[in-house]
Every structure is written in C-alpha cells, then in structure tokens.
Amino acid sequence: MEIKKVLPSEIESESFRIIRSELSQMGKEIPKDIEPTVVRAIHTTADFEYADTLTFSENVIKKAKDAIRNGASIVTDTNMALSGINKKALSKFGGEAFCFMADEEVAQIAWDRQVTRAYVSMDKASEVKKPLIFAIGNAPTALIRLRELYDEKGFRPELIIGVPVGFVNVVEAKKLILEMDVPYIVNVGRKGGSGVAAAICNSLLYNM
C-alpha cells in the first residue's frame, strides 16, 4: 500500500475528485444543480448511498440560494450542526445561525409537556422574524413539529433539510416533510446526522 503525498490545502479537492471519479465508475449521473450537495454529503460520510437517497424538491437549490441571498437564517436541532455551518459565509448575506436546544425556556416547556426539546425548539424558532432554513440532522420530533406548524398555522420555511439519523420515527418523520409544499432536501431512510445537515448547508453557501 502506497501512502499518497497530498498537501493539506489539497486534501478536500482530492477527496472530491475521488468521489466524482467513483460516481462516474458506478455509472451515476448526478444533475448539475444538486451535484455539489450530493458530493459534499458523500465527502462527510464516505457513504455513496447518498447519491441515491438524497431527495430534492423541484428547483430547491435555486430557491435555497435565493433565500440565503435575501438574508435567510439557519436553525439547527443540535449544537453540533450549528458548529459545522460556515457562519462567516452565511453572514455575508445577512443571515445568522441558531440552535435553541440549550434554551432554558425550551427545556422547561419540554419537561412540563413531556416532549423533546427539539420539538419545542421548533416553536421557538418559528417566532424568529426572518426567513428561515431548518437543518435537522438528529431529531425526527423536530420534523414532526414543523409539519404540525405547517398544517395548523401555515408556517412555511424557505427550506427544510431533513436528515435525522436513527430508528424511532425517523423514516416516518421524513415522509411528512416530503408531503409538504415547501422546498426540501431530505435523505430518505434511516441515515443522516448533524454532520450531514451542516454539510448540506455548506454546499449551498460555498456555491453561491
């Protein structure tokens, strides 16, 4: 086995080259508009299944970029996803990134109602007076609450990134988002995670 000598500044670009080469060898042709997002998700996970399972609503990349240009902010369901988003790139367009999971009021309401903090944090986020992108990588209950807010109050985010990972209500919660008339990027099935949610956000920010 030969170890490649790659400069630190070239590691990411070389990784992307390998990913694109292997996708080509698999015979997978990714549409140009979604290709950067698919490649970055694979780069984050080393899992080529994302080429098949990432699901995009019509014209979602253009709609998402337009929202960012118009100052949309990003709400996550974990501090891990929050830390992974390039907030400097987002701030160039006037956007901010939020996570309300550690909010004391959210925690108290969740305890009182015996629901998850992720569920309650979506209510908190819906009160932010800005166009919003939701990047959900951990909690299916966050997606469930977003669907309820859509059904009950007509709440319409600019984009929902629905990629929670797990076994309980994960597949079902993602299907709820696929049924909404809202721009979405959803990974069908059990796979996902906070890193994937952040990677999808960055795929948009790095290709504005």
N, C-alpha and C. Protein backbone atom coordinates (compact mmCIF):
# COMPACT_ATOMS: atom_id res chain seq x y z
N MET A 1 0.84 -1.19 0.00
CA MET A 1 0.00 0.00 0.00
C MET A 1 0.88 1.24 0.00
N GLU A 2 0.58 2.15 -0.91
CA GLU A 2 1.37 3.37 -1.02
C GLU A 2 0.58 4.55 -0.46
N ILE A 3 1.21 5.29 0.45
CA ILE A 3 0.58 6.47 1.03
C ILE A 3 0.78 7.65 0.08
N LYS A 4 -0.31 8.31 -0.29
CA LYS A 4 -0.21 9.46 -1.17
C LYS A 4 0.32 10.67 -0.42
N LYS A 5 1.13 11.43 -1.07
CA LYS A 5 1.59 12.69 -0.51
C LYS A 5 0.70 13.80 -1.05
N VAL A 6 -0.14 14.34 -0.16
CA VAL A 6 -1.09 15.37 -0.56
C VAL A 6 -0.94 16.55 0.37
N LEU A 7 -0.81 17.74 -0.19
CA LEU A 7 -0.70 18.95 0.62
C LEU A 7 -2.00 19.16 1.40
N PRO A 8 -1.91 19.69 2.63
CA PRO A 8 -3.12 19.92 3.41
C PRO A 8 -4.18 20.72 2.65
N SER A 9 -3.74 21.70 1.89
CA SER A 9 -4.67 22.55 1.16
C SER A 9 -5.36 21.83 0.01
N GLU A 10 -4.84 20.65 -0.34
CA GLU A 10 -5.38 19.92 -1.49
C GLU A 10 -6.19 18.68 -1.11
N ILE A 11 -6.26 18.39 0.20
CA ILE A 11 -6.94 17.17 0.63
C ILE A 11 -8.41 17.17 0.24
N GLU A 12 -9.10 18.28 0.50
CA GLU A 12 -10.53 18.32 0.19
C GLU A 12 -10.78 18.19 -1.31
N SER A 13 -10.04 18.95 -2.11
CA SER A 13 -10.25 18.89 -3.56
C SER A 13 -9.91 17.50 -4.11
N GLU A 14 -8.90 16.84 -3.55
CA GLU A 14 -8.56 15.50 -3.98
C GLU A 14 -9.67 14.52 -3.58
N SER A 15 -10.24 14.72 -2.40
CA SER A 15 -11.36 13.88 -1.97
C SER A 15 -12.54 14.02 -2.93
N PHE A 16 -12.85 15.25 -3.31
CA PHE A 16 -13.95 15.49 -4.23
C PHE A 16 -13.66 14.85 -5.59
N ARG A 17 -12.41 14.91 -6.02
CA ARG A 17 -12.05 14.29 -7.30
C ARG A 17 -12.29 12.79 -7.24
N ILE A 18 -11.88 12.17 -6.14
CA ILE A 18 -12.07 10.72 -5.98
C ILE A 18 -13.56 10.38 -5.98
N ILE A 19 -14.34 11.16 -5.24
CA ILE A 19 -15.78 10.90 -5.17
C ILE A 19 -16.42 10.98 -6.55
N ARG A 20 -16.10 12.04 -7.28
CA ARG A 20 -16.67 12.20 -8.61
C ARG A 20 -16.22 11.10 -9.56
N SER A 21 -14.97 10.68 -9.42
CA SER A 21 -14.46 9.59 -10.25
C SER A 21 -15.19 8.28 -9.95
N GLU A 22 -15.40 8.00 -8.67
CA GLU A 22 -16.07 6.76 -8.31
C GLU A 22 -17.55 6.78 -8.68
N LEU A 23 -18.18 7.94 -8.57
CA LEU A 23 -19.57 8.06 -9.01
C LEU A 23 -19.67 7.76 -10.51
N SER A 24 -18.71 8.27 -11.26
CA SER A 24 -18.70 8.03 -12.69
C SER A 24 -18.51 6.54 -12.99
N GLN A 25 -17.60 5.90 -12.25
CA GLN A 25 -17.36 4.47 -12.44
C GLN A 25 -18.61 3.65 -12.12
N MET A 26 -19.42 4.16 -11.18
CA MET A 26 -20.67 3.48 -10.83
C MET A 26 -21.77 3.73 -11.86
N GLY A 27 -21.50 4.63 -12.80
CA GLY A 27 -22.49 4.97 -13.80
C GLY A 27 -23.56 5.91 -13.30
N LYS A 28 -23.27 6.63 -12.23
CA LYS A 28 -24.25 7.55 -11.66
C LYS A 28 -24.03 8.96 -12.22
N GLU A 29 -25.04 9.49 -12.85
CA GLU A 29 -25.01 10.84 -13.37
C GLU A 29 -25.88 11.72 -12.48
N ILE A 30 -25.23 12.61 -11.73
CA ILE A 30 -25.94 13.47 -10.80
C ILE A 30 -26.27 14.78 -11.50
N PRO A 31 -27.51 15.23 -11.49
CA PRO A 31 -27.85 16.51 -12.11
C PRO A 31 -26.95 17.64 -11.59
N LYS A 32 -26.58 18.54 -12.48
CA LYS A 32 -25.58 19.56 -12.18
C LYS A 32 -25.95 20.41 -10.97
N ASP A 33 -27.22 20.75 -10.83
CA ASP A 33 -27.60 21.67 -9.75
C ASP A 33 -27.46 21.05 -8.37
N ILE A 34 -27.73 19.73 -8.26
CA ILE A 34 -27.66 19.10 -6.94
C ILE A 34 -26.32 18.39 -6.69
N GLU A 35 -25.49 18.32 -7.71
CA GLU A 35 -24.23 17.56 -7.59
C GLU A 35 -23.34 18.04 -6.44
N PRO A 36 -23.13 19.35 -6.24
CA PRO A 36 -22.28 19.77 -5.12
C PRO A 36 -22.80 19.31 -3.77
N THR A 37 -24.12 19.26 -3.62
CA THR A 37 -24.70 18.83 -2.35
C THR A 37 -24.52 17.34 -2.15
N VAL A 38 -24.75 16.56 -3.19
CA VAL A 38 -24.56 15.11 -3.09
C VAL A 38 -23.11 14.78 -2.79
N VAL A 39 -22.19 15.43 -3.50
CA VAL A 39 -20.76 15.16 -3.31
C VAL A 39 -20.32 15.53 -1.90
N ARG A 40 -20.81 16.64 -1.38
CA ARG A 40 -20.39 17.04 -0.03
C ARG A 40 -20.97 16.11 1.03
N ALA A 41 -22.18 15.61 0.81
CA ALA A 41 -22.74 14.63 1.75
C ALA A 41 -21.92 13.35 1.76
N ILE A 42 -21.52 12.91 0.58
CA ILE A 42 -20.67 11.72 0.49
C ILE A 42 -19.32 11.98 1.13
N HIS A 43 -18.78 13.17 0.91
CA HIS A 43 -17.49 13.53 1.49
C HIS A 43 -17.54 13.48 3.01
N THR A 44 -18.66 13.88 3.58
CA THR A 44 -18.81 13.92 5.04
C THR A 44 -18.97 12.53 5.63
N THR A 45 -19.53 11.60 4.86
CA THR A 45 -19.89 10.29 5.40
C THR A 45 -19.11 9.12 4.82
N ALA A 46 -18.46 9.34 3.67
CA ALA A 46 -17.84 8.26 2.88
C ALA A 46 -18.87 7.21 2.49
N ASP A 47 -20.10 7.63 2.33
CA ASP A 47 -21.21 6.72 2.02
C ASP A 47 -21.83 7.13 0.68
N PHE A 48 -21.61 6.32 -0.33
CA PHE A 48 -22.10 6.64 -1.67
C PHE A 48 -23.60 6.41 -1.82
N GLU A 49 -24.23 5.84 -0.82
CA GLU A 49 -25.67 5.64 -0.88
C GLU A 49 -26.42 6.97 -0.97
N TYR A 50 -25.79 8.04 -0.49
CA TYR A 50 -26.44 9.35 -0.55
C TYR A 50 -26.73 9.78 -1.98
N ALA A 51 -26.00 9.25 -2.94
CA ALA A 51 -26.27 9.57 -4.34
C ALA A 51 -27.65 9.07 -4.75
N ASP A 52 -28.17 8.09 -4.04
CA ASP A 52 -29.48 7.52 -4.36
C ASP A 52 -30.58 7.98 -3.41
N THR A 53 -30.23 8.29 -2.18
CA THR A 53 -31.26 8.53 -1.17
C THR A 53 -31.54 10.01 -0.89
N LEU A 54 -30.62 10.90 -1.22
CA LEU A 54 -30.92 12.32 -1.06
C LEU A 54 -32.01 12.71 -2.05
N THR A 55 -33.04 13.33 -1.55
CA THR A 55 -34.22 13.67 -2.34
C THR A 55 -34.41 15.18 -2.34
N PHE A 56 -34.64 15.74 -3.51
CA PHE A 56 -34.70 17.19 -3.68
C PHE A 56 -36.03 17.61 -4.28
N SER A 57 -36.67 18.59 -3.68
CA SER A 57 -37.88 19.14 -4.29
C SER A 57 -37.48 19.95 -5.52
N GLU A 58 -38.47 20.27 -6.34
CA GLU A 58 -38.20 20.93 -7.62
C GLU A 58 -37.55 22.30 -7.42
N ASN A 59 -36.45 22.53 -8.14
CA ASN A 59 -35.73 23.82 -8.12
C ASN A 59 -35.29 24.23 -6.71
N VAL A 60 -35.07 23.25 -5.83
CA VAL A 60 -34.79 23.59 -4.44
C VAL A 60 -33.46 24.32 -4.28
N ILE A 61 -32.46 23.99 -5.07
CA ILE A 61 -31.16 24.64 -4.90
C ILE A 61 -31.26 26.12 -5.22
N LYS A 62 -31.92 26.46 -6.31
CA LYS A 62 -32.10 27.87 -6.67
C LYS A 62 -32.91 28.59 -5.60
N LYS A 63 -33.99 27.97 -5.15
CA LYS A 63 -34.83 28.59 -4.13
C LYS A 63 -34.05 28.81 -2.84
N ALA A 64 -33.24 27.83 -2.46
CA ALA A 64 -32.46 27.95 -1.23
C ALA A 64 -31.42 29.06 -1.34
N LYS A 65 -30.74 29.14 -2.47
CA LYS A 65 -29.74 30.18 -2.65
C LYS A 65 -30.38 31.56 -2.69
N ASP A 66 -31.53 31.66 -3.32
CA ASP A 66 -32.25 32.95 -3.33
C ASP A 66 -32.61 33.36 -1.91
N ALA A 67 -33.04 32.38 -1.11
CA ALA A 67 -33.39 32.69 0.28
C ALA A 67 -32.18 33.18 1.06
N ILE A 68 -31.04 32.53 0.85
CA ILE A 68 -29.81 32.96 1.54
C ILE A 68 -29.43 34.36 1.11
N ARG A 69 -29.52 34.63 -0.18
CA ARG A 69 -29.20 35.98 -0.67
C ARG A 69 -30.12 37.03 -0.08
N ASN A 70 -31.33 36.63 0.27
CA ASN A 70 -32.30 37.55 0.85
C ASN A 70 -32.24 37.57 2.38
N GLY A 71 -31.15 37.01 2.94
CA GLY A 71 -30.91 37.13 4.37
C GLY A 71 -31.49 36.03 5.24
N ALA A 72 -31.81 34.89 4.65
CA ALA A 72 -32.36 33.79 5.45
C ALA A 72 -31.37 33.34 6.51
N SER A 73 -31.89 32.99 7.67
CA SER A 73 -31.09 32.42 8.74
C SER A 73 -31.33 30.92 8.82
N ILE A 74 -30.42 30.22 9.48
CA ILE A 74 -30.49 28.76 9.57
C ILE A 74 -30.73 28.35 11.02
N VAL A 75 -31.69 27.46 11.20
CA VAL A 75 -31.98 26.89 12.53
C VAL A 75 -31.61 25.42 12.51
N THR A 76 -30.85 24.98 13.50
CA THR A 76 -30.47 23.58 13.61
C THR A 76 -31.11 22.95 14.85
N ASP A 77 -31.06 21.63 14.90
CA ASP A 77 -31.60 20.91 16.07
C ASP A 77 -30.48 20.39 16.97
N THR A 78 -29.23 20.70 16.64
CA THR A 78 -28.12 20.33 17.52
C THR A 78 -27.04 21.40 17.46
N ASN A 79 -26.30 21.54 18.56
CA ASN A 79 -25.17 22.45 18.56
C ASN A 79 -24.05 21.93 17.67
N MET A 80 -24.01 20.61 17.46
CA MET A 80 -23.00 20.05 16.57
C MET A 80 -23.21 20.54 15.14
N ALA A 81 -24.44 20.51 14.67
CA ALA A 81 -24.74 21.03 13.33
C ALA A 81 -24.47 22.52 13.27
N LEU A 82 -24.85 23.22 14.34
CA LEU A 82 -24.61 24.66 14.40
C LEU A 82 -23.13 24.98 14.25
N SER A 83 -22.29 24.21 14.94
CA SER A 83 -20.85 24.48 14.90
C SER A 83 -20.25 24.17 13.54
N GLY A 84 -20.90 23.26 12.78
CA GLY A 84 -20.35 22.87 11.49
C GLY A 84 -20.70 23.79 10.34
N ILE A 85 -21.69 24.65 10.53
CA ILE A 85 -22.11 25.57 9.46
C ILE A 85 -21.15 26.74 9.38
N ASN A 86 -20.77 27.11 8.18
CA ASN A 86 -19.87 28.24 7.98
C ASN A 86 -20.65 29.54 8.18
N LYS A 87 -20.63 30.03 9.41
CA LYS A 87 -21.42 31.21 9.76
C LYS A 87 -20.85 32.49 9.14
N LYS A 88 -19.54 32.50 8.86
CA LYS A 88 -18.96 33.67 8.20
C LYS A 88 -19.51 33.80 6.78
N ALA A 89 -19.61 32.69 6.08
CA ALA A 89 -20.17 32.71 4.72
C ALA A 89 -21.64 33.12 4.76
N LEU A 90 -22.37 32.63 5.76
CA LEU A 90 -23.79 32.97 5.89
C LEU A 90 -23.98 34.45 6.20
N SER A 91 -23.11 34.98 7.04
CA SER A 91 -23.24 36.39 7.46
C SER A 91 -23.02 37.38 6.32
N LYS A 92 -22.33 36.96 5.28
CA LYS A 92 -22.11 37.84 4.13
C LYS A 92 -23.44 38.27 3.50
N PHE A 93 -24.46 37.46 3.70
CA PHE A 93 -25.77 37.76 3.12
C PHE A 93 -26.77 38.24 4.18
N GLY A 94 -26.27 38.46 5.39
CA GLY A 94 -27.13 38.96 6.46
C GLY A 94 -27.79 37.89 7.30
N GLY A 95 -27.44 36.63 7.06
CA GLY A 95 -28.05 35.54 7.81
C GLY A 95 -27.31 35.20 9.09
N GLU A 96 -28.01 34.55 10.00
CA GLU A 96 -27.44 34.05 11.24
C GLU A 96 -27.76 32.57 11.37
N ALA A 97 -27.13 31.93 12.33
CA ALA A 97 -27.42 30.52 12.61
C ALA A 97 -27.84 30.39 14.07
N PHE A 98 -28.88 29.61 14.30
CA PHE A 98 -29.46 29.47 15.63
C PHE A 98 -29.64 28.00 16.00
N CYS A 99 -29.51 27.73 17.29
CA CYS A 99 -29.93 26.46 17.86
C CYS A 99 -30.51 26.76 19.23
N PHE A 100 -31.74 26.34 19.47
CA PHE A 100 -32.43 26.67 20.72
C PHE A 100 -32.50 25.50 21.68
N MET A 101 -31.72 24.47 21.43
CA MET A 101 -31.79 23.27 22.25
C MET A 101 -31.35 23.50 23.69
N ALA A 102 -30.46 24.46 23.91
CA ALA A 102 -29.97 24.72 25.26
C ALA A 102 -30.73 25.86 25.93
N ASP A 103 -31.74 26.39 25.28
CA ASP A 103 -32.53 27.49 25.83
C ASP A 103 -33.28 27.01 27.07
N GLU A 104 -33.19 27.76 28.15
CA GLU A 104 -33.79 27.33 29.42
C GLU A 104 -35.31 27.23 29.33
N GLU A 105 -35.92 28.19 28.63
CA GLU A 105 -37.38 28.16 28.48
C GLU A 105 -37.81 26.94 27.68
N VAL A 106 -37.08 26.63 26.64
CA VAL A 106 -37.37 25.45 25.82
C VAL A 106 -37.28 24.19 26.68
N ALA A 107 -36.21 24.10 27.47
CA ALA A 107 -36.02 22.92 28.32
C ALA A 107 -37.16 22.76 29.32
N GLN A 108 -37.61 23.88 29.92
CA GLN A 108 -38.67 23.82 30.92
C GLN A 108 -40.00 23.42 30.30
N ILE A 109 -40.31 23.99 29.14
CA ILE A 109 -41.57 23.65 28.47
C ILE A 109 -41.56 22.18 28.05
N ALA A 110 -40.43 21.72 27.55
CA ALA A 110 -40.32 20.32 27.14
C ALA A 110 -40.54 19.38 28.34
N TRP A 111 -39.96 19.75 29.48
CA TRP A 111 -40.13 18.94 30.68
C TRP A 111 -41.60 18.94 31.13
N ASP A 112 -42.21 20.12 31.14
CA ASP A 112 -43.59 20.23 31.59
C ASP A 112 -44.55 19.45 30.69
N ARG A 113 -44.28 19.46 29.40
CA ARG A 113 -45.19 18.83 28.43
C ARG A 113 -44.78 17.39 28.11
N GLN A 114 -43.61 16.98 28.63
CA GLN A 114 -43.09 15.64 28.36
C GLN A 114 -42.95 15.38 26.86
N VAL A 115 -42.33 16.35 26.19
CA VAL A 115 -41.97 16.22 24.79
C VAL A 115 -40.48 16.55 24.68
N THR A 116 -39.92 16.35 23.51
CA THR A 116 -38.48 16.61 23.34
C THR A 116 -38.20 18.11 23.22
N ARG A 117 -36.99 18.47 23.61
CA ARG A 117 -36.57 19.87 23.44
C ARG A 117 -36.55 20.25 21.97
N ALA A 118 -36.22 19.28 21.11
CA ALA A 118 -36.20 19.57 19.67
C ALA A 118 -37.59 19.97 19.19
N TYR A 119 -38.60 19.29 19.69
CA TYR A 119 -40.00 19.60 19.35
C TYR A 119 -40.33 21.04 19.75
N VAL A 120 -40.02 21.40 20.99
CA VAL A 120 -40.34 22.73 21.49
C VAL A 120 -39.48 23.80 20.82
N SER A 121 -38.25 23.47 20.49
CA SER A 121 -37.36 24.46 19.87
C SER A 121 -37.86 24.90 18.51
N MET A 122 -38.66 24.07 17.84
CA MET A 122 -39.24 24.49 16.57
C MET A 122 -40.27 25.59 16.78
N ASP A 123 -41.01 25.54 17.89
CA ASP A 123 -41.92 26.63 18.22
C ASP A 123 -41.14 27.92 18.46
N LYS A 124 -40.06 27.81 19.19
CA LYS A 124 -39.22 28.98 19.46
C LYS A 124 -38.67 29.56 18.15
N ALA A 125 -38.22 28.69 17.29
CA ALA A 125 -37.65 29.14 16.02
C ALA A 125 -38.70 29.80 15.14
N SER A 126 -39.92 29.30 15.18
CA SER A 126 -40.97 29.84 14.32
C SER A 126 -41.31 31.28 14.66
N GLU A 127 -40.88 31.74 15.83
CA GLU A 127 -41.13 33.11 16.26
C GLU A 127 -40.06 34.09 15.76
N VAL A 128 -38.96 33.56 15.20
CA VAL A 128 -37.90 34.43 14.68
C VAL A 128 -38.43 35.16 13.45
N LYS A 129 -38.30 36.46 13.45
CA LYS A 129 -38.87 37.28 12.38
C LYS A 129 -37.89 37.42 11.22
N LYS A 130 -37.53 36.30 10.64
CA LYS A 130 -36.63 36.26 9.49
C LYS A 130 -37.04 35.09 8.62
N PRO A 131 -36.70 35.13 7.32
CA PRO A 131 -36.86 33.92 6.53
C PRO A 131 -35.94 32.84 7.09
N LEU A 132 -36.43 31.59 7.17
CA LEU A 132 -35.70 30.55 7.88
C LEU A 132 -35.48 29.31 7.04
N ILE A 133 -34.29 28.75 7.22
CA ILE A 133 -33.92 27.44 6.71
C ILE A 133 -33.72 26.54 7.92
N PHE A 134 -34.36 25.37 7.93
CA PHE A 134 -34.20 24.43 9.03
C PHE A 134 -33.28 23.30 8.59
N ALA A 135 -32.25 23.04 9.38
CA ALA A 135 -31.30 21.97 9.10
C ALA A 135 -31.39 20.96 10.24
N ILE A 136 -32.15 19.90 10.02
CA ILE A 136 -32.47 18.92 11.06
C ILE A 136 -31.70 17.63 10.80
N GLY A 137 -30.74 17.33 11.68
CA GLY A 137 -29.89 16.16 11.48
C GLY A 137 -29.97 15.12 12.57
N ASN A 138 -30.79 15.38 13.59
CA ASN A 138 -30.80 14.46 14.73
C ASN A 138 -32.19 14.05 15.19
N ALA A 139 -33.11 15.01 15.23
CA ALA A 139 -34.37 14.77 15.93
C ALA A 139 -35.56 14.69 14.98
N PRO A 140 -36.12 13.51 14.78
CA PRO A 140 -37.34 13.42 13.97
C PRO A 140 -38.49 14.21 14.58
N THR A 141 -38.48 14.39 15.90
CA THR A 141 -39.56 15.17 16.52
C THR A 141 -39.55 16.62 16.05
N ALA A 142 -38.38 17.13 15.65
CA ALA A 142 -38.32 18.48 15.09
C ALA A 142 -39.07 18.53 13.76
N LEU A 143 -38.89 17.50 12.93
CA LEU A 143 -39.60 17.45 11.65
C LEU A 143 -41.10 17.29 11.88
N ILE A 144 -41.46 16.48 12.86
CA ILE A 144 -42.88 16.28 13.16
C ILE A 144 -43.53 17.60 13.55
N ARG A 145 -42.83 18.38 14.39
CA ARG A 145 -43.38 19.66 14.81
C ARG A 145 -43.44 20.65 13.66
N LEU A 146 -42.46 20.64 12.77
CA LEU A 146 -42.51 21.53 11.60
C LEU A 146 -43.72 21.21 10.74
N ARG A 147 -44.03 19.92 10.60
CA ARG A 147 -45.21 19.54 9.83
C ARG A 147 -46.48 20.01 10.53
N GLU A 148 -46.52 19.89 11.85
CA GLU A 148 -47.70 20.36 12.59
C GLU A 148 -47.88 21.86 12.46
N LEU A 149 -46.79 22.61 12.54
CA LEU A 149 -46.87 24.07 12.40
C LEU A 149 -47.33 24.45 11.00
N TYR A 150 -46.92 23.68 10.02
CA TYR A 150 -47.35 23.89 8.63
C TYR A 150 -48.85 23.63 8.51
N ASP A 151 -49.31 22.53 9.09
CA ASP A 151 -50.72 22.16 8.99
C ASP A 151 -51.62 23.09 9.81
N GLU A 152 -51.16 23.45 11.00
CA GLU A 152 -52.01 24.19 11.93
C GLU A 152 -51.97 25.70 11.72
N LYS A 153 -50.80 26.21 11.33
CA LYS A 153 -50.62 27.66 11.28
C LYS A 153 -50.14 28.17 9.92
N GLY A 154 -49.96 27.26 8.97
CA GLY A 154 -49.47 27.68 7.66
C GLY A 154 -48.02 28.13 7.67
N PHE A 155 -47.25 27.66 8.65
CA PHE A 155 -45.85 28.05 8.75
C PHE A 155 -45.07 27.46 7.58
N ARG A 156 -44.35 28.32 6.85
CA ARG A 156 -43.66 27.89 5.64
C ARG A 156 -42.21 28.36 5.65
N PRO A 157 -41.30 27.50 6.05
CA PRO A 157 -39.88 27.85 5.97
C PRO A 157 -39.43 27.99 4.51
N GLU A 158 -38.30 28.63 4.32
CA GLU A 158 -37.72 28.75 2.99
C GLU A 158 -37.19 27.40 2.50
N LEU A 159 -36.75 26.58 3.44
CA LEU A 159 -36.18 25.27 3.12
C LEU A 159 -36.18 24.41 4.37
N ILE A 160 -36.48 23.13 4.21
CA ILE A 160 -36.29 22.16 5.29
C ILE A 160 -35.28 21.13 4.82
N ILE A 161 -34.18 21.04 5.53
CA ILE A 161 -33.20 19.98 5.32
C ILE A 161 -33.51 18.91 6.36
N GLY A 162 -34.05 17.79 5.90
CA GLY A 162 -34.50 16.75 6.81
C GLY A 162 -33.63 15.51 6.70
N VAL A 163 -32.62 15.45 7.57
CA VAL A 163 -31.68 14.32 7.51
C VAL A 163 -31.39 13.73 8.89
N PRO A 164 -32.41 13.60 9.75
CA PRO A 164 -32.13 12.97 11.05
C PRO A 164 -31.72 11.52 10.88
N VAL A 165 -30.88 11.05 11.79
CA VAL A 165 -30.40 9.68 11.76
C VAL A 165 -31.03 8.91 12.92
N GLY A 166 -31.34 7.65 12.72
CA GLY A 166 -31.86 6.87 13.85
C GLY A 166 -32.87 5.82 13.44
N PHE A 167 -33.63 5.38 14.44
CA PHE A 167 -34.52 4.23 14.26
C PHE A 167 -35.96 4.49 14.65
N VAL A 168 -36.20 5.44 15.56
CA VAL A 168 -37.56 5.68 16.05
C VAL A 168 -38.17 6.88 15.34
N ASN A 169 -39.19 6.62 14.52
CA ASN A 169 -39.94 7.66 13.81
C ASN A 169 -39.11 8.45 12.78
N VAL A 170 -37.92 7.99 12.48
CA VAL A 170 -37.06 8.73 11.55
C VAL A 170 -37.61 8.67 10.13
N VAL A 171 -37.88 7.48 9.65
CA VAL A 171 -38.39 7.32 8.28
C VAL A 171 -39.74 8.00 8.14
N GLU A 172 -40.59 7.82 9.15
CA GLU A 172 -41.94 8.38 9.11
C GLU A 172 -41.92 9.91 9.12
N ALA A 173 -41.04 10.49 9.93
CA ALA A 173 -40.96 11.95 10.02
C ALA A 173 -40.47 12.56 8.71
N LYS A 174 -39.53 11.89 8.06
CA LYS A 174 -39.04 12.38 6.77
C LYS A 174 -40.15 12.36 5.73
N LYS A 175 -40.98 11.33 5.76
CA LYS A 175 -42.09 11.25 4.81
C LYS A 175 -43.06 12.40 4.99
N LEU A 176 -43.24 12.86 6.23
CA LEU A 176 -44.12 14.00 6.48
C LEU A 176 -43.63 15.25 5.75
N ILE A 177 -42.31 15.42 5.68
CA ILE A 177 -41.74 16.59 5.01
C ILE A 177 -41.89 16.45 3.50
N LEU A 178 -41.73 15.24 2.99
CA LEU A 178 -41.86 15.02 1.55
C LEU A 178 -43.27 15.35 1.04
N GLU A 179 -44.25 15.31 1.93
CA GLU A 179 -45.64 15.60 1.55
C GLU A 179 -45.97 17.08 1.60
N MET A 180 -45.05 17.91 2.10
CA MET A 180 -45.32 19.34 2.27
C MET A 180 -45.02 20.12 1.00
N ASP A 181 -45.75 21.19 0.81
CA ASP A 181 -45.50 22.11 -0.30
C ASP A 181 -44.51 23.17 0.16
N VAL A 182 -43.32 22.70 0.52
CA VAL A 182 -42.23 23.56 1.00
C VAL A 182 -40.94 23.00 0.39
N PRO A 183 -40.00 23.87 -0.03
CA PRO A 183 -38.73 23.35 -0.55
C PRO A 183 -38.04 22.45 0.48
N TYR A 184 -37.51 21.31 0.01
CA TYR A 184 -36.87 20.39 0.95
C TYR A 184 -35.70 19.68 0.30
N ILE A 185 -34.79 19.27 1.17
CA ILE A 185 -33.74 18.31 0.85
C ILE A 185 -33.82 17.26 1.96
N VAL A 186 -34.22 16.05 1.61
CA VAL A 186 -34.47 15.00 2.59
C VAL A 186 -33.67 13.77 2.20
N ASN A 187 -33.04 13.14 3.19
CA ASN A 187 -32.42 11.84 2.93
C ASN A 187 -33.38 10.76 3.40
N VAL A 188 -33.97 10.06 2.44
CA VAL A 188 -34.94 9.03 2.81
C VAL A 188 -34.22 7.86 3.48
N GLY A 189 -34.92 7.21 4.39
CA GLY A 189 -34.31 6.11 5.13
C GLY A 189 -33.78 6.56 6.48
N ARG A 190 -32.98 5.71 7.09
CA ARG A 190 -32.52 5.93 8.46
C ARG A 190 -31.27 6.80 8.57
N LYS A 191 -30.54 6.94 7.47
CA LYS A 191 -29.23 7.60 7.56
C LYS A 191 -29.35 9.12 7.57
N GLY A 192 -28.32 9.75 8.10
CA GLY A 192 -28.26 11.20 8.17
C GLY A 192 -27.31 11.61 9.28
N GLY A 193 -27.65 12.69 9.97
CA GLY A 193 -26.83 13.14 11.09
C GLY A 193 -26.54 14.63 11.03
N SER A 194 -26.06 15.15 12.15
CA SER A 194 -25.76 16.57 12.25
C SER A 194 -24.69 17.00 11.26
N GLY A 195 -23.70 16.14 11.06
CA GLY A 195 -22.64 16.46 10.09
C GLY A 195 -23.18 16.59 8.69
N VAL A 196 -24.13 15.73 8.33
CA VAL A 196 -24.74 15.79 7.01
C VAL A 196 -25.58 17.06 6.87
N ALA A 197 -26.32 17.41 7.90
CA ALA A 197 -27.13 18.63 7.87
C ALA A 197 -26.25 19.86 7.64
N ALA A 198 -25.13 19.93 8.37
CA ALA A 198 -24.21 21.05 8.20
C ALA A 198 -23.57 21.03 6.82
N ALA A 199 -23.22 19.85 6.33
CA ALA A 199 -22.59 19.73 5.02
C ALA A 199 -23.52 20.23 3.92
N ILE A 200 -24.80 19.92 4.03
CA ILE A 200 -25.76 20.38 3.02
C ILE A 200 -25.86 21.91 3.06
N CYS A 201 -25.90 22.46 4.24
CA CYS A 201 -25.90 23.94 4.35
C CYS A 201 -24.67 24.53 3.69
N ASN A 202 -23.51 23.95 3.97
CA ASN A 202 -22.28 24.49 3.42
C ASN A 202 -22.19 24.29 1.91
N SER A 203 -22.80 23.22 1.41
CA SER A 203 -22.80 23.02 -0.04
C SER A 203 -23.52 24.16 -0.74
N LEU A 204 -24.52 24.72 -0.08
CA LEU A 204 -25.22 25.88 -0.63
C LEU A 204 -24.38 27.14 -0.49
N LEU A 205 -23.82 27.33 0.70
CA LEU A 205 -23.07 28.55 0.97
C LEU A 205 -21.80 28.67 0.14
N TYR A 206 -21.15 27.54 -0.12
CA TYR A 206 -19.88 27.55 -0.86
C TYR A 206 -20.08 27.66 -2.37
N ASN A 207 -21.33 27.56 -2.81
CA ASN A 207 -21.59 27.59 -4.25
C ASN A 207 -22.59 28.67 -4.62
N MET A 208 -22.55 29.76 -3.88
CA MET A 208 -23.43 30.88 -4.16
C MET A 208 -23.00 31.61 -5.43
